[in-house]
C-alpha atoms as a PDB file:
ATOM      1  CA  MET A   1       9.708   2.954 -89.680  1.00  0.00           C
ATOM      2  CA  SER A   2       5.956   2.346 -89.156  1.00  0.00           C
ATOM      3  CA  THR A   3       3.812   1.472 -92.088  1.00  0.00           C
ATOM      4  CA  SER A   4       0.582   3.075 -93.295  1.00  0.00           C
ATOM      5  CA  SER A   5      -1.347   0.006 -91.991  1.00  0.00           C
ATOM      6  CA  ASP A   6       0.027   0.452 -88.503  1.00  0.00           C
ATOM      7  CA  ALA A   7      -0.966   4.149 -88.481  1.00  0.00           C
ATOM      8  CA  ASP A   8      -4.481   3.297 -89.638  1.00  0.00           C
ATOM      9  CA  SER A   9      -4.740   0.631 -86.831  1.00  0.00           C
ATOM     10  CA  ASP A  10      -3.584   3.155 -84.172  1.00  0.00           C
ATOM     11  CA  ASP A  11      -6.205   5.647 -85.515  1.00  0.00           C
ATOM     12  CA  LEU A  12      -8.973   3.075 -85.250  1.00  0.00           C
ATOM     13  CA  ASP A  13      -7.890   2.152 -81.694  1.00  0.00           C
ATOM     14  CA  MET A  14      -7.942   5.819 -80.693  1.00  0.00           C
ATOM     15  CA  ALA A  15     -11.323   6.393 -82.347  1.00  0.00           C
ATOM     16  CA  ALA A  16     -12.763   3.452 -80.509  1.00  0.00           C
ATOM     17  CA  PHE A  17     -11.316   4.653 -77.279  1.00  0.00           C
ATOM     18  CA  MET A  18     -12.512   8.204 -77.670  1.00  0.00           C
ATOM     19  CA  GLY A  19     -15.924   7.236 -79.043  1.00  0.00           C
ATOM     20  CA  ASP A  20     -18.952   5.668 -77.407  1.00  0.00           C
ATOM     21  CA  ALA A  21     -18.542   2.317 -79.025  1.00  0.00           C
ATOM     22  CA  LYS A  22     -17.989   0.580 -75.700  1.00  0.00           C
ATOM     23  CA  ALA A  23     -17.822   1.547 -71.962  1.00  0.00           C
ATOM     24  CA  LEU A  24     -15.647  -0.377 -69.477  1.00  0.00           C
ATOM     25  CA  ASN A  25     -17.496  -2.510 -66.999  1.00  0.00           C
ATOM     26  CA  GLN A  26     -16.498  -2.940 -63.417  1.00  0.00           C
ATOM     27  CA  GLU A  27     -14.633  -6.185 -64.031  1.00  0.00           C
ATOM     28  CA  GLU A  28     -12.400  -4.484 -66.694  1.00  0.00           C
ATOM     29  CA  ILE A  29     -11.810  -1.556 -64.506  1.00  0.00           C
ATOM     30  CA  ASP A  30     -10.716  -3.789 -61.619  1.00  0.00           C
ATOM     31  CA  ARG A  31      -8.455  -5.817 -64.001  1.00  0.00           C
ATOM     32  CA  LEU A  32      -6.912  -2.577 -65.275  1.00  0.00           C
ATOM     33  CA  LEU A  33      -6.117  -1.291 -61.814  1.00  0.00           C
ATOM     34  CA  ASN A  34      -4.885  -4.664 -60.649  1.00  0.00           C
ATOM     35  CA  PHE A  35      -7.923  -5.062 -58.236  1.00  0.00           C
ATOM     36  CA  ASP A  36      -8.962  -8.355 -59.742  1.00  0.00           C
ATOM     37  CA  THR A  37      -9.602 -10.925 -57.064  1.00  0.00           C
ATOM     38  CA  PRO A  38      -7.084 -13.848 -57.001  1.00  0.00           C
ATOM     39  CA  ALA A  39      -8.256 -17.420 -57.678  1.00  0.00           C
ATOM     40  CA  SER A  40      -9.561 -19.245 -54.684  1.00  0.00           C
ATOM     41  CA  SER A  41      -6.762 -20.844 -52.811  1.00  0.00           C
ATOM     42  CA  GLY A  42      -5.884 -21.917 -49.271  1.00  0.00           C
ATOM     43  CA  ASP A  43      -5.376 -18.343 -48.255  1.00  0.00           C
ATOM     44  CA  GLU A  44      -9.020 -17.838 -47.201  1.00  0.00           C
ATOM     45  CA  PRO A  45      -9.444 -16.787 -43.566  1.00  0.00           C
ATOM     46  CA  SER A  46     -10.535 -19.464 -41.240  1.00  0.00           C
ATOM     47  CA  ALA A  47     -13.802 -19.499 -39.275  1.00  0.00           C
ATOM     48  CA  ILE A  48     -11.936 -18.378 -36.150  1.00  0.00           C
ATOM     49  CA  GLU A  49     -10.291 -15.486 -37.948  1.00  0.00           C
ATOM     50  CA  ARG A  50     -13.535 -14.343 -39.376  1.00  0.00           C
ATOM     51  CA  LEU A  51     -15.187 -14.520 -35.958  1.00  0.00           C
ATOM     52  CA  VAL A  52     -12.417 -12.462 -34.336  1.00  0.00           C
ATOM     53  CA  SER A  53     -12.434  -9.858 -37.089  1.00  0.00           C
ATOM     54  CA  SER A  54     -16.260  -9.640 -37.231  1.00  0.00           C
ATOM     55  CA  THR A  55     -17.784  -6.307 -36.245  1.00  0.00           C
ATOM     56  CA  THR A  56     -21.050  -7.856 -35.108  1.00  0.00           C
ATOM     57  CA  VAL A  57     -21.852  -7.145 -31.576  1.00  0.00           C
ATOM     58  CA  ASN A  58     -23.342 -10.052 -29.654  1.00  0.00           C
ATOM     59  CA  LYS A  59     -25.992  -8.802 -27.380  1.00  0.00           C
ATOM     60  CA  ASP A  60     -28.820 -10.037 -25.124  1.00  0.00           C
ATOM     61  CA  ARG A  61     -32.278  -8.773 -25.753  1.00  0.00           C
ATOM     62  CA  LEU A  62     -33.259  -6.096 -23.245  1.00  0.00           C
ATOM     63  CA  PRO A  63     -36.953  -5.322 -23.721  1.00  0.00           C
ATOM     64  CA  MET A  64     -37.150  -3.041 -20.737  1.00  0.00           C
ATOM     65  CA  LEU A  65     -34.558  -0.790 -22.258  1.00  0.00           C
ATOM     66  CA  ASP A  66     -37.054   0.344 -24.927  1.00  0.00           C
ATOM     67  CA  VAL A  67     -39.533   1.090 -22.088  1.00  0.00           C
ATOM     68  CA  VAL A  68     -36.958   3.067 -20.217  1.00  0.00           C
ATOM     69  CA  PHE A  69     -36.077   5.329 -23.201  1.00  0.00           C
ATOM     70  CA  ASP A  70     -39.669   5.723 -24.238  1.00  0.00           C
ATOM     71  CA  ARG A  71     -40.407   7.069 -20.857  1.00  0.00           C
ATOM     72  CA  MET A  72     -37.371   9.267 -21.017  1.00  0.00           C
ATOM     73  CA  VAL A  73     -38.600  10.887 -24.231  1.00  0.00           C
ATOM     74  CA  ARG A  74     -41.959  11.684 -22.594  1.00  0.00           C
ATOM     75  CA  LEU A  75     -40.149  13.259 -19.698  1.00  0.00           C
ATOM     76  CA  MET A  76     -38.009  15.254 -22.041  1.00  0.00           C
ATOM     77  CA  ASN A  77     -40.931  16.789 -23.761  1.00  0.00           C
ATOM     78  CA  THR A  78     -41.980  18.332 -20.471  1.00  0.00           C
ATOM     79  CA  SER A  79     -38.568  19.276 -19.097  1.00  0.00           C
ATOM     80  CA  LEU A  80     -37.370  20.799 -22.400  1.00  0.00           C
ATOM     81  CA  ARG A  81     -40.471  22.873 -22.604  1.00  0.00           C
ATOM     82  CA  GLN A  82     -39.782  24.275 -19.224  1.00  0.00           C
ATOM     83  CA  PHE A  83     -36.178  24.733 -20.122  1.00  0.00           C
ATOM     84  CA  THR A  84     -36.801  26.666 -23.378  1.00  0.00           C
ATOM     85  CA  SER A  85     -40.199  28.206 -22.565  1.00  0.00           C
ATOM     86  CA  THR A  86     -41.498  27.117 -26.034  1.00  0.00           C
ATOM     87  CA  ASN A  87     -42.925  24.103 -27.657  1.00  0.00           C
ATOM     88  CA  VAL A  88     -40.433  21.198 -27.970  1.00  0.00           C
ATOM     89  CA  GLU A  89     -41.045  17.754 -29.508  1.00  0.00           C
ATOM     90  CA  ALA A  90     -38.674  14.990 -28.697  1.00  0.00           C
ATOM     91  CA  SER A  91     -38.936  11.690 -30.396  1.00  0.00           C
ATOM     92  CA  LEU A  92     -36.942   8.401 -30.106  1.00  0.00           C
ATOM     93  CA  LEU A  93     -35.516   7.550 -33.503  1.00  0.00           C
ATOM     94  CA  ARG A  94     -33.655   4.278 -32.760  1.00  0.00           C
ATOM     95  CA  ILE A  95     -31.573   2.286 -30.370  1.00  0.00           C
ATOM     96  CA  ASP A  96     -28.501   0.824 -31.893  1.00  0.00           C
ATOM     97  CA  TRP A  97     -26.016  -1.845 -30.742  1.00  0.00           C
ATOM     98  CA  LEU A  98     -22.481  -1.137 -31.895  1.00  0.00           C
ATOM     99  CA  ARG A  99     -18.850  -1.024 -30.846  1.00  0.00           C
ATOM    100  CA  PHE A 100     -17.589   2.121 -29.168  1.00  0.00           C
ATOM    101  CA  ASN A 101     -15.127   2.992 -31.878  1.00  0.00           C
ATOM    102  CA  GLU A 102     -18.019   2.859 -34.426  1.00  0.00           C
ATOM    103  CA  PHE A 103     -19.793   5.558 -32.433  1.00  0.00           C
ATOM    104  CA  LEU A 104     -16.762   7.818 -32.322  1.00  0.00           C
ATOM    105  CA  ASP A 105     -16.357   7.459 -36.103  1.00  0.00           C
ATOM    106  CA  THR A 106     -19.979   8.550 -36.702  1.00  0.00           C
ATOM    107  CA  ILE A 107     -19.924  11.729 -34.648  1.00  0.00           C
ATOM    108  CA  GLU A 108     -20.602  14.677 -36.931  1.00  0.00           C
ATOM    109  CA  LEU A 109     -18.153  17.421 -36.146  1.00  0.00           C
ATOM    110  CA  PRO A 110     -18.314  20.006 -34.699  1.00  0.00           C
ATOM    111  CA  ALA A 111     -20.183  18.635 -31.694  1.00  0.00           C
ATOM    112  CA  LEU A 112     -20.100  18.848 -27.999  1.00  0.00           C
ATOM    113  CA  ILE A 113     -19.894  15.562 -26.028  1.00  0.00           C
ATOM    114  CA  GLY A 114     -20.818  15.441 -22.351  1.00  0.00           C
ATOM    115  CA  VAL A 115     -19.209  12.854 -20.107  1.00  0.00           C
ATOM    116  CA  ALA A 116     -21.354  11.776 -17.199  1.00  0.00           C
ATOM    117  CA  ARG A 117     -21.101   9.337 -14.364  1.00  0.00           C
ATOM    118  CA  ALA A 118     -23.589   6.825 -13.042  1.00  0.00           C
ATOM    119  CA  GLU A 119     -22.804   6.955  -9.397  1.00  0.00           C
ATOM    120  CA  GLN A 120     -24.509   3.744  -8.259  1.00  0.00           C
ATOM    121  CA  TRP A 121     -23.094   1.814 -11.212  1.00  0.00           C
ATOM    122  CA  ASP A 122     -19.603   3.179 -10.884  1.00  0.00           C
ATOM    123  CA  SER A 123     -19.407   3.732 -14.656  1.00  0.00           C
ATOM    124  CA  GLN A 124     -19.555   6.509 -17.326  1.00  0.00           C
ATOM    125  CA  LEU A 125     -21.796   7.389 -20.299  1.00  0.00           C
ATOM    126  CA  LEU A 126     -21.765  10.010 -23.103  1.00  0.00           C
ATOM    127  CA  VAL A 127     -24.380  12.547 -24.299  1.00  0.00           C
ATOM    128  CA  SER A 128     -23.531  13.979 -27.643  1.00  0.00           C
ATOM    129  CA  ILE A 129     -25.247  17.163 -29.027  1.00  0.00           C
ATOM    130  CA  ASP A 130     -24.886  18.031 -32.624  1.00  0.00           C
ATOM    131  CA  SER A 131     -24.410  21.530 -33.989  1.00  0.00           C
ATOM    132  CA  ALA A 132     -27.937  21.909 -35.332  1.00  0.00           C
ATOM    133  CA  LEU A 133     -29.379  21.460 -31.896  1.00  0.00           C
ATOM    134  CA  ILE A 134     -26.743  23.662 -30.214  1.00  0.00           C
ATOM    135  CA  TYR A 135     -27.452  26.562 -32.568  1.00  0.00           C
ATOM    136  CA  CYS A 136     -31.218  26.103 -32.339  1.00  0.00           C
ATOM    137  CA  MET A 137     -31.113  26.132 -28.542  1.00  0.00           C
ATOM    138  CA  MET A 138     -28.968  29.252 -28.530  1.00  0.00           C
ATOM    139  CA  ASP A 139     -31.398  31.065 -30.764  1.00  0.00           C
ATOM    140  CA  VAL A 140     -34.305  30.071 -28.619  1.00  0.00           C
ATOM    141  CA  LEU A 141     -32.692  30.723 -25.194  1.00  0.00           C
ATOM    142  CA  LEU A 142     -31.396  34.141 -26.366  1.00  0.00           C
ATOM    143  CA  GLY A 143     -34.693  35.281 -27.849  1.00  0.00           C
ATOM    144  CA  GLY A 144     -34.117  34.499 -31.504  1.00  0.00           C
ATOM    145  CA  ARG A 145     -37.357  32.690 -32.190  1.00  0.00           C
ATOM    146  CA  HIS A 146     -38.615  32.003 -35.667  1.00  0.00           C
ATOM    147  CA  SER A 147     -35.163  32.849 -37.086  1.00  0.00           C
ATOM    148  CA  ARG A 148     -33.670  31.019 -40.065  1.00  0.00           C
ATOM    149  CA  PRO A 149     -31.218  28.158 -39.204  1.00  0.00           C
ATOM    150  CA  GLY A 150     -27.718  29.369 -39.017  1.00  0.00           C
ATOM    151  CA  ARG A 151     -24.968  27.961 -41.180  1.00  0.00           C
ATOM    152  CA  ILE A 152     -22.720  25.468 -39.594  1.00  0.00           C
ATOM    153  CA  ASP A 153     -19.210  26.803 -40.349  1.00  0.00           C
ATOM    154  CA  GLY A 154     -17.172  24.375 -38.144  1.00  0.00           C
ATOM    155  CA  ARG A 155     -15.940  27.051 -35.850  1.00  0.00           C
ATOM    156  CA  THR A 156     -15.141  26.519 -32.244  1.00  0.00           C
ATOM    157  CA  TYR A 157     -17.880  26.939 -29.694  1.00  0.00           C
ATOM    158  CA  THR A 158     -17.983  29.948 -27.545  1.00  0.00           C
ATOM    159  CA  SER A 159     -18.060  29.834 -23.739  1.00  0.00           C
ATOM    160  CA  ILE A 160     -21.782  30.845 -23.784  1.00  0.00           C
ATOM    161  CA  GLU A 161     -22.637  28.007 -26.172  1.00  0.00           C
ATOM    162  CA  ARG A 162     -20.645  25.504 -24.031  1.00  0.00           C
ATOM    163  CA  LYS A 163     -22.420  26.643 -20.860  1.00  0.00           C
ATOM    164  CA  MET A 164     -25.855  26.432 -22.509  1.00  0.00           C
ATOM    165  CA  THR A 165     -25.065  23.015 -23.804  1.00  0.00           C
ATOM    166  CA  GLU A 166     -23.938  21.890 -20.376  1.00  0.00           C
ATOM    167  CA  ARG A 167     -27.257  22.916 -19.016  1.00  0.00           C
ATOM    168  CA  LEU A 168     -29.096  21.057 -21.771  1.00  0.00           C
ATOM    169  CA  ILE A 169     -27.071  17.913 -20.985  1.00  0.00           C
ATOM    170  CA  LYS A 170     -27.868  18.155 -17.324  1.00  0.00           C
ATOM    171  CA  VAL A 171     -31.610  18.255 -18.116  1.00  0.00           C
ATOM    172  CA  ILE A 172     -31.261  15.074 -20.310  1.00  0.00           C
ATOM    173  CA  LEU A 173     -29.346  13.294 -17.579  1.00  0.00           C
ATOM    174  CA  GLN A 174     -31.960  14.177 -14.987  1.00  0.00           C
ATOM    175  CA  ASP A 175     -34.663  12.714 -17.203  1.00  0.00           C
ATOM    176  CA  LEU A 176     -32.536   9.622 -17.837  1.00  0.00           C
ATOM    177  CA  GLY A 177     -32.201   9.022 -14.100  1.00  0.00           C
ATOM    178  CA  GLN A 178     -35.952   9.340 -13.605  1.00  0.00           C
ATOM    179  CA  SER A 179     -36.564   6.943 -16.410  1.00  0.00           C
ATOM    180  CA  PHE A 180     -34.519   4.246 -14.601  1.00  0.00           C
ATOM    181  CA  ASP A 181     -36.368   4.841 -11.249  1.00  0.00           C
ATOM    182  CA  PRO A 182     -38.894   1.917 -11.637  1.00  0.00           C
ATOM    183  CA  LEU A 183     -36.018  -0.430 -12.196  1.00  0.00           C
ATOM    184  CA  ALA A 184     -33.134   0.854 -10.080  1.00  0.00           C
ATOM    185  CA  GLN A 185     -32.182   4.066  -8.229  1.00  0.00           C
ATOM    186  CA  VAL A 186     -29.326   5.582 -10.199  1.00  0.00           C
ATOM    187  CA  GLU A 187     -28.053   9.167 -10.410  1.00  0.00           C
ATOM    188  CA  PHE A 188     -26.398  10.526 -13.494  1.00  0.00           C
ATOM    189  CA  THR A 189     -24.107  13.438 -12.763  1.00  0.00           C
ATOM    190  CA  PHE A 190     -22.344  15.678 -15.337  1.00  0.00           C
ATOM    191  CA  ASP A 191     -18.571  15.343 -15.292  1.00  0.00           C
ATOM    192  CA  ARG A 192     -17.015  17.359 -18.268  1.00  0.00           C
ATOM    193  CA  LEU A 193     -17.615  18.653 -21.687  1.00  0.00           C
ATOM    194  CA  GLU A 194     -15.376  17.513 -24.589  1.00  0.00           C
ATOM    195  CA  VAL A 195     -14.996  18.697 -28.179  1.00  0.00           C
ATOM    196  CA  ASN A 196     -12.612  16.120 -29.455  1.00  0.00           C
ATOM    197  CA  PRO A 197     -14.075  12.627 -29.533  1.00  0.00           C
ATOM    198  CA  GLN A 198     -10.753  11.119 -28.697  1.00  0.00           C
ATOM    199  CA  PHE A 199     -10.888  12.755 -25.303  1.00  0.00           C
ATOM    200  CA  ALA A 200     -14.345  11.267 -24.637  1.00  0.00           C
ATOM    201  CA  ALA A 201     -13.183   7.607 -24.694  1.00  0.00           C
ATOM    202  CA  ILE A 202     -14.850   6.013 -21.626  1.00  0.00           C
ATOM    203  CA  THR A 203     -14.279   2.416 -22.576  1.00  0.00           C
ATOM    204  CA  ARG A 204     -12.263   0.319 -24.983  1.00  0.00           C
ATOM    205  CA  ALA A 205     -12.710   0.814 -28.677  1.00  0.00           C
ATOM    206  CA  THR A 206     -13.923  -2.714 -29.356  1.00  0.00           C
ATOM    207  CA  ASN A 207     -16.356  -2.918 -26.284  1.00  0.00           C
ATOM    208  CA  ALA A 208     -19.996  -3.158 -27.083  1.00  0.00           C
ATOM    209  CA  ALA A 209     -22.160  -0.012 -26.475  1.00  0.00           C
ATOM    210  CA  ILE A 210     -25.788   1.127 -26.789  1.00  0.00           C
ATOM    211  CA  ARG A 211     -26.459   4.331 -28.701  1.00  0.00           C
ATOM    212  CA  VAL A 212     -29.808   6.035 -28.322  1.00  0.00           C
ATOM    213  CA  ARG A 213     -30.513   8.639 -31.014  1.00  0.00           C
ATOM    214  CA  ILE A 214     -33.267  11.270 -30.104  1.00  0.00           C
ATOM    215  CA  ALA A 215     -34.568  13.936 -32.478  1.00  0.00           C
ATOM    216  CA  ILE A 216     -35.501  17.259 -30.840  1.00  0.00           C
ATOM    217  CA  GLU A 217     -37.574  19.705 -32.741  1.00  0.00           C
ATOM    218  CA  VAL A 218     -37.705  23.399 -31.647  1.00  0.00           C
ATOM    219  CA  GLU A 219     -39.384  26.057 -33.599  1.00  0.00           C
ATOM    220  CA  ARG A 220     -39.653  23.789 -36.655  1.00  0.00           C
ATOM    221  CA  ARG A 221     -35.892  23.194 -36.539  1.00  0.00           C
ATOM    222  CA  VAL A 222     -34.603  19.731 -35.816  1.00  0.00           C
ATOM    223  CA  GLY A 223     -31.437  18.634 -33.953  1.00  0.00           C
ATOM    224  CA  HIS A 224     -30.214  15.398 -32.480  1.00  0.00           C
ATOM    225  CA  ALA A 225     -28.897  14.199 -29.232  1.00  0.00           C
ATOM    226  CA  GLU A 226     -27.226  10.839 -28.728  1.00  0.00           C
ATOM    227  CA  ILE A 227     -26.740   8.863 -25.525  1.00  0.00           C
ATOM    228  CA  VAL A 228     -24.096   6.196 -25.444  1.00  0.00           C
ATOM    229  CA  ILE A 229     -23.958   3.662 -22.575  1.00  0.00           C
ATOM    230  CA  PRO A 230     -21.347   0.937 -22.495  1.00  0.00           C
ATOM    231  CA  TYR A 231     -22.957  -2.492 -22.294  1.00  0.00           C
ATOM    232  CA  ALA A 232     -20.883  -3.393 -19.303  1.00  0.00           C
ATOM    233  CA  SER A 233     -22.361  -0.393 -17.416  1.00  0.00           C
ATOM    234  CA  LEU A 234     -25.795  -2.040 -17.555  1.00  0.00           C
ATOM    235  CA  GLU A 235     -24.587  -5.201 -15.715  1.00  0.00           C
ATOM    236  CA  PRO A 236     -26.041  -4.112 -12.289  1.00  0.00           C
ATOM    237  CA  VAL A 237     -29.586  -3.867 -13.785  1.00  0.00           C
ATOM    238  CA  ARG A 238     -29.275  -6.400 -16.604  1.00  0.00           C
ATOM    239  CA  GLY A 239     -31.479  -8.903 -14.687  1.00  0.00           C
ATOM    240  CA  LYS A 240     -34.328  -6.316 -14.694  1.00  0.00           C
ATOM    241  CA  LEU A 241     -33.747  -5.091 -18.293  1.00  0.00           C
ATOM    242  CA  VAL A 242     -34.402  -8.604 -19.698  1.00  0.00           C
ATOM    243  CA  GLN A 243     -37.908  -8.596 -18.202  1.00  0.00           C
ATOM    244  CA  MET A 244     -40.777  -8.586 -20.594  1.00  0.00           C
ATOM    245  CA  PHE A 245     -42.755  -6.134 -18.549  1.00  0.00           C
ATOM    246  CA  MET A 246     -42.385  -3.888 -15.489  1.00  0.00           C
ATOM    247  CA  GLY A 247     -42.251  -5.777 -12.223  1.00  0.00           C
ATOM    248  CA  GLU A 248     -41.848  -9.243 -13.681  1.00  0.00           C
ATOM    249  CA  LYS A 249     -40.581 -11.808 -11.193  1.00  0.00           C
ATOM    250  CA  PHE A 250     -38.380 -14.587 -12.484  1.00  0.00           C
ATOM    251  CA  GLY A 251     -38.710 -17.996 -10.937  1.00  0.00           C
ATOM    252  CA  HIS A 252     -41.470 -16.864  -8.495  1.00  0.00           C
ATOM    253  CA  ASP A 253     -45.090 -18.007  -8.676  1.00  0.00           C
ATOM    254  CA  THR A 254     -46.991 -16.606  -5.637  1.00  0.00           C
ATOM    255  CA  VAL A 255     -49.951 -18.897  -6.160  1.00  0.00           C
ATOM    256  CA  TRP A 256     -47.820 -21.944  -6.125  1.00  0.00           C
ATOM    257  CA  GLU A 257     -45.779 -20.745  -3.200  1.00  0.00           C
ATOM    258  CA  THR A 258     -49.035 -20.188  -1.202  1.00  0.00           C
ATOM    259  CA  HIS A 259     -50.355 -23.630  -2.138  1.00  0.00           C
ATOM    260  CA  LEU A 260     -47.045 -25.318  -1.146  1.00  0.00           C
ATOM    261  CA  LYS A 261     -46.973 -23.515   2.206  1.00  0.00           C
ATOM    262  CA  ASN A 262     -50.533 -24.670   3.071  1.00  0.00           C
ATOM    263  CA  GLU A 263     -49.767 -28.182   2.107  1.00  0.00           C
ATOM    264  CA  LEU A 264     -46.593 -28.300   4.177  1.00  0.00           C
ATOM    265  CA  LYS A 265     -48.558 -27.125   7.188  1.00  0.00           C
ATOM    266  CA  ARG A 266     -51.056 -29.903   6.790  1.00  0.00           C
ATOM    267  CA  ALA A 267     -48.488 -32.603   6.216  1.00  0.00           C
ATOM    268  CA  LYS A 268     -47.978 -35.239   8.937  1.00  0.00           C
ATOM    269  CA  LEU A 269     -44.464 -35.594  10.256  1.00  0.00           C
ATOM    270  CA  GLU A 270     -43.163 -38.568  12.237  1.00  0.00           C
ATOM    271  CA  MET A 271     -41.021 -37.533  15.135  1.00  0.00           C
ATOM    272  CA  VAL A 272     -38.800 -39.522  17.600  1.00  0.00           C
ATOM    273  CA  ALA A 273     -37.918 -38.523  21.023  1.00  0.00           C
ATOM    274  CA  VAL A 274     -34.377 -39.525  22.040  1.00  0.00           C
ATOM    275  CA  LEU A 275     -33.809 -39.735  25.796  1.00  0.00           C
ATOM    276  CA  HIS A 276     -30.046 -40.296  25.590  1.00  0.00           C
ATOM    277  CA  GLN A 277     -27.365 -41.426  23.341  1.00  0.00           C
ATOM    278  CA  THR A 278     -24.185 -43.165  24.523  1.00  0.00           C
ATOM    279  CA  GLN A 279     -21.240 -44.997  23.023  1.00  0.00           C
ATOM    280  CA  VAL A 280     -20.644 -48.611  24.153  1.00  0.00           C
ATOM    281  CA  PRO A 281     -17.632 -50.724  23.254  1.00  0.00           C
ATOM    282  CA  LEU A 282     -18.291 -53.448  20.779  1.00  0.00           C
ATOM    283  CA  GLY A 283     -16.875 -56.043  23.347  1.00  0.00           C
ATOM    284  CA  GLU A 284     -19.428 -55.046  25.907  1.00  0.00           C
ATOM    285  CA  VAL A 285     -22.193 -55.385  23.310  1.00  0.00           C
ATOM    286  CA  LEU A 286     -21.088 -58.893  22.485  1.00  0.00           C
ATOM    287  CA  ASN A 287     -21.374 -59.833  26.141  1.00  0.00           C
ATOM    288  CA  TRP A 288     -25.045 -58.772  26.342  1.00  0.00           C
ATOM    289  CA  GLN A 289     -27.402 -61.631  27.185  1.00  0.00           C
ATOM    290  CA  LYS A 290     -31.191 -61.932  27.274  1.00  0.00           C
ATOM    291  CA  GLY A 291     -32.529 -60.157  30.283  1.00  0.00           C
ATOM    292  CA  ALA A 292     -29.514 -57.899  30.835  1.00  0.00           C
ATOM    293  CA  SER A 293     -30.146 -54.456  32.174  1.00  0.00           C
ATOM    294  CA  LEU A 294     -28.779 -51.284  30.443  1.00  0.00           C
ATOM    295  CA  LYS A 295     -28.015 -48.278  32.604  1.00  0.00           C
ATOM    296  CA  LEU A 296     -28.580 -44.994  30.703  1.00  0.00           C
ATOM    297  CA  ARG A 297     -26.706 -43.042  33.346  1.00  0.00           C
ATOM    298  CA  ILE A 298     -28.957 -39.916  32.892  1.00  0.00           C
ATOM    299  CA  SER A 299     -30.774 -37.719  35.456  1.00  0.00           C
ATOM    300  CA  PRO A 300     -34.517 -37.218  35.412  1.00  0.00           C
ATOM    301  CA  ASP A 301     -34.218 -33.617  34.254  1.00  0.00           C
ATOM    302  CA  ALA A 302     -31.859 -34.409  31.315  1.00  0.00           C
ATOM    303  CA  PRO A 303     -32.869 -32.783  27.928  1.00  0.00           C
ATOM    304  CA  VAL A 304     -34.687 -34.827  25.372  1.00  0.00           C
ATOM    305  CA  MET A 305     -33.939 -34.482  21.671  1.00  0.00           C
ATOM    306  CA  LEU A 306     -36.706 -34.489  19.066  1.00  0.00           C
ATOM    307  CA  LEU A 307     -35.700 -35.805  15.706  1.00  0.00           C
ATOM    308  CA  SER A 308     -37.316 -36.339  12.307  1.00  0.00           C
ATOM    309  CA  LYS A 309     -35.423 -38.754  10.031  1.00  0.00           C
ATOM    310  CA  ALA A 310     -32.210 -38.204  11.843  1.00  0.00           C
ATOM    311  CA  THR A 311     -32.631 -34.426  11.724  1.00  0.00           C
ATOM    312  CA  PRO A 312     -32.665 -32.790  15.149  1.00  0.00           C
ATOM    313  CA  LEU A 313     -35.389 -30.153  15.469  1.00  0.00           C
ATOM    314  CA  PHE A 314     -36.104 -29.359  19.133  1.00  0.00           C
ATOM    315  CA  ALA A 315     -34.847 -29.997  22.668  1.00  0.00           C
ATOM    316  CA  GLY A 316     -36.998 -30.197  25.772  1.00  0.00           C
ATOM    317  CA  ARG A 317     -37.930 -31.848  29.036  1.00  0.00           C
ATOM    318  CA  MET A 318     -39.783 -35.085  29.506  1.00  0.00           C
ATOM    319  CA  GLY A 319     -42.889 -35.075  31.688  1.00  0.00           C
ATOM    320  CA  GLN A 320     -46.473 -36.328  31.948  1.00  0.00           C
ATOM    321  CA  ARG A 321     -49.718 -34.750  30.906  1.00  0.00           C
ATOM    322  CA  ASP A 322     -53.130 -36.386  31.138  1.00  0.00           C
ATOM    323  CA  ASP A 323     -51.680 -39.832  31.794  1.00  0.00           C
ATOM    324  CA  ASN A 324     -49.608 -39.477  28.627  1.00  0.00           C
ATOM    325  CA  ILE A 325     -45.825 -39.142  28.342  1.00  0.00           C
ATOM    326  CA  ALA A 326     -45.096 -35.578  26.970  1.00  0.00           C
ATOM    327  CA  VAL A 327     -42.060 -33.512  26.012  1.00  0.00           C
ATOM    328  CA  LYS A 328     -42.064 -29.761  26.782  1.00  0.00           C
ATOM    329  CA  ILE A 329     -40.119 -27.928  23.932  1.00  0.00           C
ATOM    330  CA  GLU A 330     -37.674 -25.458  25.359  1.00  0.00           C
ATOM    331  CA  THR A 331     -35.121 -24.941  22.506  1.00  0.00           C
ATOM    332  CA  ASP A 332     -35.556 -24.538  18.779  1.00  0.00           C
ATOM    333  CA  LEU A 333     -32.501 -26.063  17.100  1.00  0.00           C
ATOM    334  CA  GLU A 334     -33.002 -23.671  14.017  1.00  0.00           C
ATOM    335  CA  THR A 335     -33.037 -26.490  11.446  1.00  0.00           C
ATOM    336  CA  LYS A 336     -36.483 -25.701  10.034  1.00  0.00           C
ATOM    337  CA  GLN A 337     -35.168 -24.508   6.671  1.00  0.00           C
ATOM    338  CA  GLU A 338     -32.854 -27.642   6.446  1.00  0.00           C
ATOM    339  CA  LEU A 339     -35.891 -29.836   7.076  1.00  0.00           C
ATOM    340  CA  ILE A 340     -37.955 -28.050   4.373  1.00  0.00           C
ATOM    341  CA  ASP A 341     -35.085 -28.336   1.918  1.00  0.00           C
ATOM    342  CA  GLY A 342     -34.775 -32.034   2.650  1.00  0.00           C
ATOM    343  CA  LEU A 343     -38.559 -32.661   2.139  1.00  0.00           C
ATOM    344  CA  LEU A 344     -38.494 -30.762  -1.175  1.00  0.00           C
ATOM    345  CA  SER A 345     -35.465 -32.711  -2.423  1.00  0.00           C
ATOM    346  CA  HIS A 346     -37.382 -36.005  -1.897  1.00  0.00           C
END
């Protein structure tokens, strides 16, 4: 049987709980729900485990990629105006580096995702169009200008909407191909249209990708288009994308190359004319005496080899010109580049 003091204590506890005397802080809530963190022990993940589980995408800096997509946005302003016959403003919002599964998780459904191929790169990319831009383009293309934005109800897209979106994606792909023209000739062709992001997987979920988000304003209504290119797809042009400006040449200095070429032409080169080479047994050489005659066993028209530091350069015939012994070059032994490389190595 409970006493009166116990009843009074329960009433005080209930009053304190129901009243505004004290609010639970985050630590008390975590402890109440068994979410309190355990004491530090030896169960902390190692550096290798943290590195493997990290979601950070390691990337090279590609300055020319910003230039390419800036150029693409300018081209889209013209092409979309021709496509819609009205004023269209496209602007580049940002370029993100992320993993491919992170992009799939951020797609706002419903949306239409176009899968395209880069023929010269033998790879694929995605163009995602959100519902706001799809409905806006439908209103503009079908004559509904200055209408209020329609409510996005999550319904499936009609065949007309899918066809119009396909035409829009083809316009974007054409502008993207023209943007890459100063760097490399590449053609982006439309492949298929997907509604479910799972069917638009063009690379592994953990692979790095580049997402370009573009805002398109039509009749004071704004929608968004996203272009996703796997990082591995840019490998054929990565050497040009790391340039700081268009047409930069790595490792080439035309002024220095011209100076080096002129200096090589003015350099003096010692050459030796070899009439004949033969092998003599060591025993015969030991029998040589002062005044001994050596027979070369060659004919007068035998070819003469011109060498420079044991490197054969030319072959020709020996003769006489203005009381001087001369060699008429008849064959180039195609070792000029080897000679130049040897000189540069010294």
